[in-house]
C-alpha atoms as a PDB file:
ATOM      1  CA  UNK A   1     -30.148 -30.936 -17.569  1.00  0.00           C
ATOM      2  CA  UNK A   2     -27.301 -31.546 -15.109  1.00  0.00           C
ATOM      3  CA  UNK A   3     -24.833 -31.731 -17.994  1.00  0.00           C
ATOM      4  CA  UNK A   4     -26.071 -28.382 -19.299  1.00  0.00           C
ATOM      5  CA  UNK A   5     -25.692 -26.810 -15.851  1.00  0.00           C
ATOM      6  CA  UNK A   6     -22.167 -28.134 -15.470  1.00  0.00           C
ATOM      7  CA  UNK A   7     -21.221 -26.899 -18.925  1.00  0.00           C
ATOM      8  CA  UNK A   8     -22.666 -23.470 -18.171  1.00  0.00           C
ATOM      9  CA  UNK A   9     -20.723 -23.298 -14.915  1.00  0.00           C
ATOM     10  CA  UNK A  10     -17.483 -24.214 -16.632  1.00  0.00           C
ATOM     11  CA  UNK A  11     -17.980 -21.513 -19.262  1.00  0.00           C
ATOM     12  CA  UNK A  12     -18.908 -18.780 -16.773  1.00  0.00           C
ATOM     13  CA  UNK A  13     -16.112 -16.276 -16.122  1.00  0.00           C
ATOM     14  CA  UNK A  14     -14.346 -16.852 -12.821  1.00  0.00           C
ATOM     15  CA  UNK A  15     -14.555 -14.159 -10.166  1.00  0.00           C
ATOM     16  CA  UNK A  16     -11.305 -12.355  -9.324  1.00  0.00           C
ATOM     17  CA  UNK A  17      -9.579 -13.622  -6.189  1.00  0.00           C
ATOM     18  CA  UNK A  18      -9.839 -11.318  -3.165  1.00  0.00           C
ATOM     19  CA  UNK A  19      -6.755 -10.972  -0.953  1.00  0.00           C
ATOM     20  CA  UNK A  20      -7.220  -9.575   2.550  1.00  0.00           C
ATOM     21  CA  UNK A  21      -5.326  -7.667   5.202  1.00  0.00           C
ATOM     22  CA  UNK A  22      -3.949  -9.919   7.950  1.00  0.00           C
ATOM     23  CA  UNK A  23      -4.185  -7.333  10.737  1.00  0.00           C
ATOM     24  CA  UNK A  24      -7.171  -6.118  12.736  1.00  0.00           C
ATOM     25  CA  UNK A  25      -8.660  -2.675  13.283  1.00  0.00           C
ATOM     26  CA  UNK A  26      -6.763  -0.699  15.913  1.00  0.00           C
ATOM     27  CA  UNK A  27      -3.386  -1.624  14.451  1.00  0.00           C
ATOM     28  CA  UNK A  28      -1.178   1.406  13.925  1.00  0.00           C
ATOM     29  CA  UNK A  29       2.129   2.422  12.399  1.00  0.00           C
ATOM     30  CA  UNK A  30       4.047   5.647  12.938  1.00  0.00           C
ATOM     31  CA  UNK A  31       6.516   7.030  10.394  1.00  0.00           C
ATOM     32  CA  UNK A  32       9.182   9.712  10.554  1.00  0.00           C
ATOM     33  CA  UNK A  33       9.247  12.030   7.547  1.00  0.00           C
ATOM     34  CA  UNK A  34      12.863  11.973   6.340  1.00  0.00           C
ATOM     35  CA  UNK A  35      12.410  14.189   3.268  1.00  0.00           C
ATOM     36  CA  UNK A  36       9.516  16.370   2.152  1.00  0.00           C
ATOM     37  CA  UNK A  37       8.978  18.725  -0.767  1.00  0.00           C
ATOM     38  CA  UNK A  38       5.742  20.572  -1.460  1.00  0.00           C
ATOM     39  CA  UNK A  39       3.691  17.477  -0.747  1.00  0.00           C
ATOM     40  CA  UNK A  40       0.226  17.744   0.745  1.00  0.00           C
ATOM     41  CA  UNK A  41      -1.478  14.846   2.496  1.00  0.00           C
ATOM     42  CA  UNK A  42      -5.183  15.344   3.202  1.00  0.00           C
ATOM     43  CA  UNK A  43      -4.735  19.021   2.350  1.00  0.00           C
ATOM     44  CA  UNK A  44      -1.883  19.615   4.801  1.00  0.00           C
ATOM     45  CA  UNK A  45       1.773  20.278   3.950  1.00  0.00           C
ATOM     46  CA  UNK A  46       3.986  17.677   5.595  1.00  0.00           C
ATOM     47  CA  UNK A  47       7.229  19.070   7.105  1.00  0.00           C
ATOM     48  CA  UNK A  48      10.472  17.122   7.407  1.00  0.00           C
ATOM     49  CA  UNK A  49      11.027  15.583  10.815  1.00  0.00           C
ATOM     50  CA  UNK A  50       7.327  15.238  11.562  1.00  0.00           C
ATOM     51  CA  UNK A  51       5.664  12.002  12.643  1.00  0.00           C
ATOM     52  CA  UNK A  52       2.679  10.555  10.775  1.00  0.00           C
ATOM     53  CA  UNK A  53       0.598   7.889  12.480  1.00  0.00           C
ATOM     54  CA  UNK A  54      -1.826   5.653  10.565  1.00  0.00           C
ATOM     55  CA  UNK A  55      -4.362   3.795  12.732  1.00  0.00           C
ATOM     56  CA  UNK A  56      -6.392   1.136  10.930  1.00  0.00           C
ATOM     57  CA  UNK A  57     -10.082   2.024  11.294  1.00  0.00           C
ATOM     58  CA  UNK A  58     -11.639   0.050   8.445  1.00  0.00           C
ATOM     59  CA  UNK A  59     -11.019  -1.256   4.960  1.00  0.00           C
ATOM     60  CA  UNK A  60     -12.300  -1.274   1.388  1.00  0.00           C
ATOM     61  CA  UNK A  61     -12.071  -3.941  -1.296  1.00  0.00           C
ATOM     62  CA  UNK A  62     -10.858  -2.539  -4.612  1.00  0.00           C
ATOM     63  CA  UNK A  63      -9.883  -4.145  -7.920  1.00  0.00           C
ATOM     64  CA  UNK A  64      -6.378  -4.332  -9.283  1.00  0.00           C
ATOM     65  CA  UNK A  65      -7.065  -3.038 -12.814  1.00  0.00           C
ATOM     66  CA  UNK A  66      -3.642  -3.662 -14.266  1.00  0.00           C
ATOM     67  CA  UNK A  67      -2.228  -4.258 -16.783  1.00  0.00           C
ATOM     68  CA  UNK A  68      -4.300  -2.881 -19.669  1.00  0.00           C
ATOM     69  CA  UNK A  69      -7.294  -2.117 -17.437  1.00  0.00           C
ATOM     70  CA  UNK A  70      -8.134  -5.805 -16.951  1.00  0.00           C
ATOM     71  CA  UNK A  71      -9.364  -6.724 -13.469  1.00  0.00           C
ATOM     72  CA  UNK A  72      -7.159  -9.617 -12.415  1.00  0.00           C
ATOM     73  CA  UNK A  73      -7.609  -9.691  -8.662  1.00  0.00           C
ATOM     74  CA  UNK A  74      -9.200  -7.732  -5.846  1.00  0.00           C
ATOM     75  CA  UNK A  75      -7.602  -6.691  -2.579  1.00  0.00           C
ATOM     76  CA  UNK A  76      -8.616  -5.309   0.802  1.00  0.00           C
ATOM     77  CA  UNK A  77      -6.972  -1.916   1.383  1.00  0.00           C
ATOM     78  CA  UNK A  78      -6.791   0.078   4.629  1.00  0.00           C
ATOM     79  CA  UNK A  79      -8.890   2.995   5.804  1.00  0.00           C
ATOM     80  CA  UNK A  80      -7.131   4.903   8.576  1.00  0.00           C
ATOM     81  CA  UNK A  81      -7.382   7.635  11.146  1.00  0.00           C
ATOM     82  CA  UNK A  82      -4.295   9.730  10.355  1.00  0.00           C
ATOM     83  CA  UNK A  83      -2.374  11.855  12.859  1.00  0.00           C
ATOM     84  CA  UNK A  84       0.351  14.412  12.168  1.00  0.00           C
ATOM     85  CA  UNK A  85       2.504  15.017  15.250  1.00  0.00           C
ATOM     86  CA  UNK A  86      -0.398  13.848  17.395  1.00  0.00           C
ATOM     87  CA  UNK A  87      -3.105  15.925  15.711  1.00  0.00           C
ATOM     88  CA  UNK A  88      -5.902  14.167  13.816  1.00  0.00           C
ATOM     89  CA  UNK A  89      -5.853  15.275  10.162  1.00  0.00           C
ATOM     90  CA  UNK A  90      -8.084  12.612   8.564  1.00  0.00           C
ATOM     91  CA  UNK A  91     -10.632  10.129   9.899  1.00  0.00           C
ATOM     92  CA  UNK A  92     -11.418   6.731   8.379  1.00  0.00           C
ATOM     93  CA  UNK A  93      -9.690   7.950   5.220  1.00  0.00           C
ATOM     94  CA  UNK A  94      -8.339   6.128   2.210  1.00  0.00           C
ATOM     95  CA  UNK A  95      -4.562   5.784   2.225  1.00  0.00           C
ATOM     96  CA  UNK A  96      -4.474   5.714  -1.567  1.00  0.00           C
ATOM     97  CA  UNK A  97      -0.897   5.916  -2.916  1.00  0.00           C
ATOM     98  CA  UNK A  98       0.588   5.715   0.594  1.00  0.00           C
ATOM     99  CA  UNK A  99      -0.475   2.245   1.767  1.00  0.00           C
ATOM    100  CA  UNK A 100       1.002   1.779   5.264  1.00  0.00           C
ATOM    101  CA  UNK A 101      -0.673  -1.653   5.331  1.00  0.00           C
ATOM    102  CA  UNK A 102      -0.857  -4.118   2.434  1.00  0.00           C
ATOM    103  CA  UNK A 103      -2.824  -7.325   1.939  1.00  0.00           C
ATOM    104  CA  UNK A 104      -0.585 -10.219   2.942  1.00  0.00           C
ATOM    105  CA  UNK A 105      -2.941 -13.149   2.647  1.00  0.00           C
ATOM    106  CA  UNK A 106      -1.317 -16.237   1.180  1.00  0.00           C
ATOM    107  CA  UNK A 107      -0.298 -15.847  -2.449  1.00  0.00           C
ATOM    108  CA  UNK A 108      -0.954 -12.097  -2.757  1.00  0.00           C
ATOM    109  CA  UNK A 109       2.642 -11.053  -3.395  1.00  0.00           C
ATOM    110  CA  UNK A 110       3.222 -13.814  -5.908  1.00  0.00           C
ATOM    111  CA  UNK A 111      -0.012 -12.905  -7.726  1.00  0.00           C
ATOM    112  CA  UNK A 112       0.986  -9.233  -7.782  1.00  0.00           C
ATOM    113  CA  UNK A 113       4.452 -10.070  -9.071  1.00  0.00           C
ATOM    114  CA  UNK A 114       2.898 -11.901 -12.020  1.00  0.00           C
ATOM    115  CA  UNK A 115       1.354  -8.593 -13.168  1.00  0.00           C
ATOM    116  CA  UNK A 116       4.736  -6.865 -13.398  1.00  0.00           C
ATOM    117  CA  UNK A 117       5.426  -4.756 -16.496  1.00  0.00           C
ATOM    118  CA  UNK A 118       7.517  -1.718 -17.481  1.00  0.00           C
ATOM    119  CA  UNK A 119       5.448   0.567 -15.230  1.00  0.00           C
ATOM    120  CA  UNK A 120       5.448  -1.573 -12.112  1.00  0.00           C
ATOM    121  CA  UNK A 121       7.884  -3.870 -10.387  1.00  0.00           C
ATOM    122  CA  UNK A 122       7.480  -6.323  -7.519  1.00  0.00           C
ATOM    123  CA  UNK A 123      10.557  -8.022  -6.101  1.00  0.00           C
ATOM    124  CA  UNK A 124      10.505 -10.589  -3.297  1.00  0.00           C
ATOM    125  CA  UNK A 125      13.653 -10.393  -1.153  1.00  0.00           C
ATOM    126  CA  UNK A 126      13.263 -12.748   1.780  1.00  0.00           C
ATOM    127  CA  UNK A 127      10.724 -11.270   4.200  1.00  0.00           C
ATOM    128  CA  UNK A 128      10.793  -7.895   2.423  1.00  0.00           C
ATOM    129  CA  UNK A 129       8.869  -7.031  -0.743  1.00  0.00           C
ATOM    130  CA  UNK A 130       9.995  -4.141  -2.940  1.00  0.00           C
ATOM    131  CA  UNK A 131       7.165  -2.492  -4.881  1.00  0.00           C
ATOM    132  CA  UNK A 132       7.823   0.233  -7.453  1.00  0.00           C
ATOM    133  CA  UNK A 133       5.087   1.947  -9.433  1.00  0.00           C
ATOM    134  CA  UNK A 134       5.252   4.571 -12.161  1.00  0.00           C
ATOM    135  CA  UNK A 135       2.167   6.759 -12.546  1.00  0.00           C
ATOM    136  CA  UNK A 136       1.517   8.716 -15.744  1.00  0.00           C
ATOM    137  CA  UNK A 137      -1.240  11.018 -14.491  1.00  0.00           C
ATOM    138  CA  UNK A 138      -0.298  13.376 -12.842  1.00  0.00           C
ATOM    139  CA  UNK A 139       3.115  11.783 -13.194  1.00  0.00           C
ATOM    140  CA  UNK A 140       5.374  10.543 -10.410  1.00  0.00           C
ATOM    141  CA  UNK A 141       6.821   7.310  -9.077  1.00  0.00           C
ATOM    142  CA  UNK A 142       6.299   5.433  -5.842  1.00  0.00           C
ATOM    143  CA  UNK A 143       8.406   2.933  -3.955  1.00  0.00           C
ATOM    144  CA  UNK A 144       7.576   0.785  -0.939  1.00  0.00           C
ATOM    145  CA  UNK A 145       9.515  -1.675   1.162  1.00  0.00           C
ATOM    146  CA  UNK A 146       6.952  -3.949   2.799  1.00  0.00           C
ATOM    147  CA  UNK A 147       7.259  -6.782   5.283  1.00  0.00           C
ATOM    148  CA  UNK A 148       5.915  -9.794   3.448  1.00  0.00           C
ATOM    149  CA  UNK A 149       4.517 -11.640   6.453  1.00  0.00           C
ATOM    150  CA  UNK A 150       2.058  -8.983   7.632  1.00  0.00           C
ATOM    151  CA  UNK A 151       1.987  -6.290   4.914  1.00  0.00           C
ATOM    152  CA  UNK A 152       3.527  -3.551   7.079  1.00  0.00           C
ATOM    153  CA  UNK A 153       5.266  -0.817   5.067  1.00  0.00           C
ATOM    154  CA  UNK A 154       8.801  -0.268   6.371  1.00  0.00           C
ATOM    155  CA  UNK A 155       9.913   2.514   4.028  1.00  0.00           C
ATOM    156  CA  UNK A 156       8.110   4.708   1.498  1.00  0.00           C
ATOM    157  CA  UNK A 157       9.314   7.108  -1.180  1.00  0.00           C
ATOM    158  CA  UNK A 158       7.570   9.339  -3.677  1.00  0.00           C
ATOM    159  CA  UNK A 159       9.670  10.863  -6.476  1.00  0.00           C
ATOM    160  CA  UNK A 160       8.862  13.921  -8.577  1.00  0.00           C
ATOM    161  CA  UNK A 161       9.324  14.724 -12.279  1.00  0.00           C
ATOM    162  CA  UNK A 162      13.132  14.795 -12.218  1.00  0.00           C
ATOM    163  CA  UNK A 163      13.485  11.778  -9.962  1.00  0.00           C
ATOM    164  CA  UNK A 164      13.994  13.930  -6.865  1.00  0.00           C
ATOM    165  CA  UNK A 165      12.483  12.488  -3.688  1.00  0.00           C
ATOM    166  CA  UNK A 166       9.411  14.542  -2.760  1.00  0.00           C
ATOM    167  CA  UNK A 167       8.398  12.466   0.249  1.00  0.00           C
ATOM    168  CA  UNK A 168      10.321   9.829   2.176  1.00  0.00           C
ATOM    169  CA  UNK A 169       9.061   8.102   5.315  1.00  0.00           C
ATOM    170  CA  UNK A 170      10.556   5.390   7.523  1.00  0.00           C
ATOM    171  CA  UNK A 171       8.801   3.259  10.099  1.00  0.00           C
ATOM    172  CA  UNK A 172       9.555   4.293  13.678  1.00  0.00           C
ATOM    173  CA  UNK A 173       7.105   2.243  15.722  1.00  0.00           C
ATOM    174  CA  UNK A 174       4.046   0.071  15.239  1.00  0.00           C
ATOM    175  CA  UNK A 175       1.566  -2.097  17.060  1.00  0.00           C
ATOM    176  CA  UNK A 176      -0.269  -4.717  15.024  1.00  0.00           C
ATOM    177  CA  UNK A 177      -3.368  -6.596  16.136  1.00  0.00           C
ATOM    178  CA  UNK A 178      -3.399 -10.018  14.533  1.00  0.00           C
ATOM    179  CA  UNK A 179      -6.364 -12.414  14.585  1.00  0.00           C
ATOM    180  CA  UNK A 180      -6.121 -15.552  16.696  1.00  0.00           C
ATOM    181  CA  UNK A 181      -7.751 -18.842  15.798  1.00  0.00           C
ATOM    182  CA  UNK A 182     -10.342 -18.220  18.530  1.00  0.00           C
ATOM    183  CA  UNK A 183     -11.452 -15.047  16.758  1.00  0.00           C
ATOM    184  CA  UNK A 184      -9.889 -12.599  19.211  1.00  0.00           C
ATOM    185  CA  UNK A 185      -7.085 -10.266  18.258  1.00  0.00           C
ATOM    186  CA  UNK A 186      -3.685 -10.221  19.913  1.00  0.00           C
ATOM    187  CA  UNK A 187      -1.644  -7.056  20.227  1.00  0.00           C
ATOM    188  CA  UNK A 188       1.899  -7.400  18.886  1.00  0.00           C
ATOM    189  CA  UNK A 189       4.344  -4.505  19.370  1.00  0.00           C
ATOM    190  CA  UNK A 190       6.934  -3.964  16.715  1.00  0.00           C
ATOM    191  CA  UNK A 191       9.853  -1.532  17.013  1.00  0.00           C
ATOM    192  CA  UNK A 192      12.103  -0.791  14.059  1.00  0.00           C
ATOM    193  CA  UNK A 193      15.483   0.895  14.351  1.00  0.00           C
ATOM    194  CA  UNK A 194      16.220   0.787  10.651  1.00  0.00           C
ATOM    195  CA  UNK A 195      14.716  -0.791   7.535  1.00  0.00           C
ATOM    196  CA  UNK A 196      16.272  -2.635   4.646  1.00  0.00           C
ATOM    197  CA  UNK A 197      17.198  -0.394   1.717  1.00  0.00           C
ATOM    198  CA  UNK A 198      17.598  -1.971  -1.698  1.00  0.00           C
ATOM    199  CA  UNK A 199      16.766  -1.555  -5.395  1.00  0.00           C
ATOM    200  CA  UNK A 200      16.971   1.620  -7.474  1.00  0.00           C
ATOM    201  CA  UNK A 201      13.997   3.965  -7.480  1.00  0.00           C
ATOM    202  CA  UNK A 202      11.881   4.218 -10.605  1.00  0.00           C
ATOM    203  CA  UNK A 203      12.432   7.452 -12.547  1.00  0.00           C
ATOM    204  CA  UNK A 204       9.330   9.657 -12.513  1.00  0.00           C
ATOM    205  CA  UNK A 205       7.732  10.939 -15.698  1.00  0.00           C
ATOM    206  CA  UNK A 206       5.973  14.251 -15.005  1.00  0.00           C
ATOM    207  CA  UNK A 207       4.838  16.720 -12.282  1.00  0.00           C
ATOM    208  CA  UNK A 208       3.627  16.204  -8.746  1.00  0.00           C
ATOM    209  CA  UNK A 209       0.614  17.641  -6.973  1.00  0.00           C
ATOM    210  CA  UNK A 210      -1.424  16.572  -3.960  1.00  0.00           C
ATOM    211  CA  UNK A 211      -1.021  13.067  -2.522  1.00  0.00           C
ATOM    212  CA  UNK A 212      -3.521  10.625  -1.071  1.00  0.00           C
ATOM    213  CA  UNK A 213      -6.522  12.333  -2.695  1.00  0.00           C
ATOM    214  CA  UNK A 214      -5.457  11.959  -6.333  1.00  0.00           C
ATOM    215  CA  UNK A 215      -6.254   9.201  -8.828  1.00  0.00           C
ATOM    216  CA  UNK A 216      -4.508   7.852 -11.897  1.00  0.00           C
ATOM    217  CA  UNK A 217      -2.362   5.049 -10.553  1.00  0.00           C
ATOM    218  CA  UNK A 218      -1.964   1.809 -12.414  1.00  0.00           C
ATOM    219  CA  UNK A 219      -3.609  -0.131  -9.594  1.00  0.00           C
ATOM    220  CA  UNK A 220      -5.963   0.870  -6.807  1.00  0.00           C
END
C-alpha cells in the first residue's frame, strides 16, 4: 500500500511555485509622469508632469500563463490605493500592466527569465532587472526597470502602435516597509535622483486604449 501511495505521489502533477512580494502593506512609491499621450488610468487622463503615488494596500496571487497558456508559476501582485497629485483615484485596485511593485522572493527573476520568448524579455543587469513585454490585444508594448532586491519599479514605459512612448514614469520617492525576522515591519526610505536607462524598447504592434483596466497581456 505504501509503495502505491508513493508511486501515486510521484506521478501527481506538481503545483506551480508561488513567488511573493518582499514588502509590507503601507509601502508606497511616487512617480513623475515624464511623457503622456491619451492614456487613461482608472478612467482618468494622466497629464505630463503629474505625480502618481501607489500605496500598497493588499495583494492577489495570479498565475503566469506564459508561454502558450501553460501555467508555470504563480506570483503575488500588488493591490494599491492610487493618488494623482494627491487626490485618490482608485482604492485597493489592481495595478495590472503598471506594476510598481514586483515579487522579488528568491529565484523569481531567474524563473521569469527562463520563460523568455519573442514576445517577452527579461534581462538581469546587476541589481536592476529589465522587463519588456509585447501585447497583441489591444496591441502595445511595456518596459520596466525594476530593482532586483525588493521589486521596486524604477522606470516604466508604455509604447503605442508606432513605437511612440504613450506613458513614461520615473520614480521620484518611495518608502518601503520590509518584514523583520521578529514579524514586525521596518520603514525604509528610498530617494532616487535618477534611474538606470538601458536596453532598446520593444516595438509595439497595434493600437492603444485604456490602461490598468484592460486584459490581454501575455502574463498576469
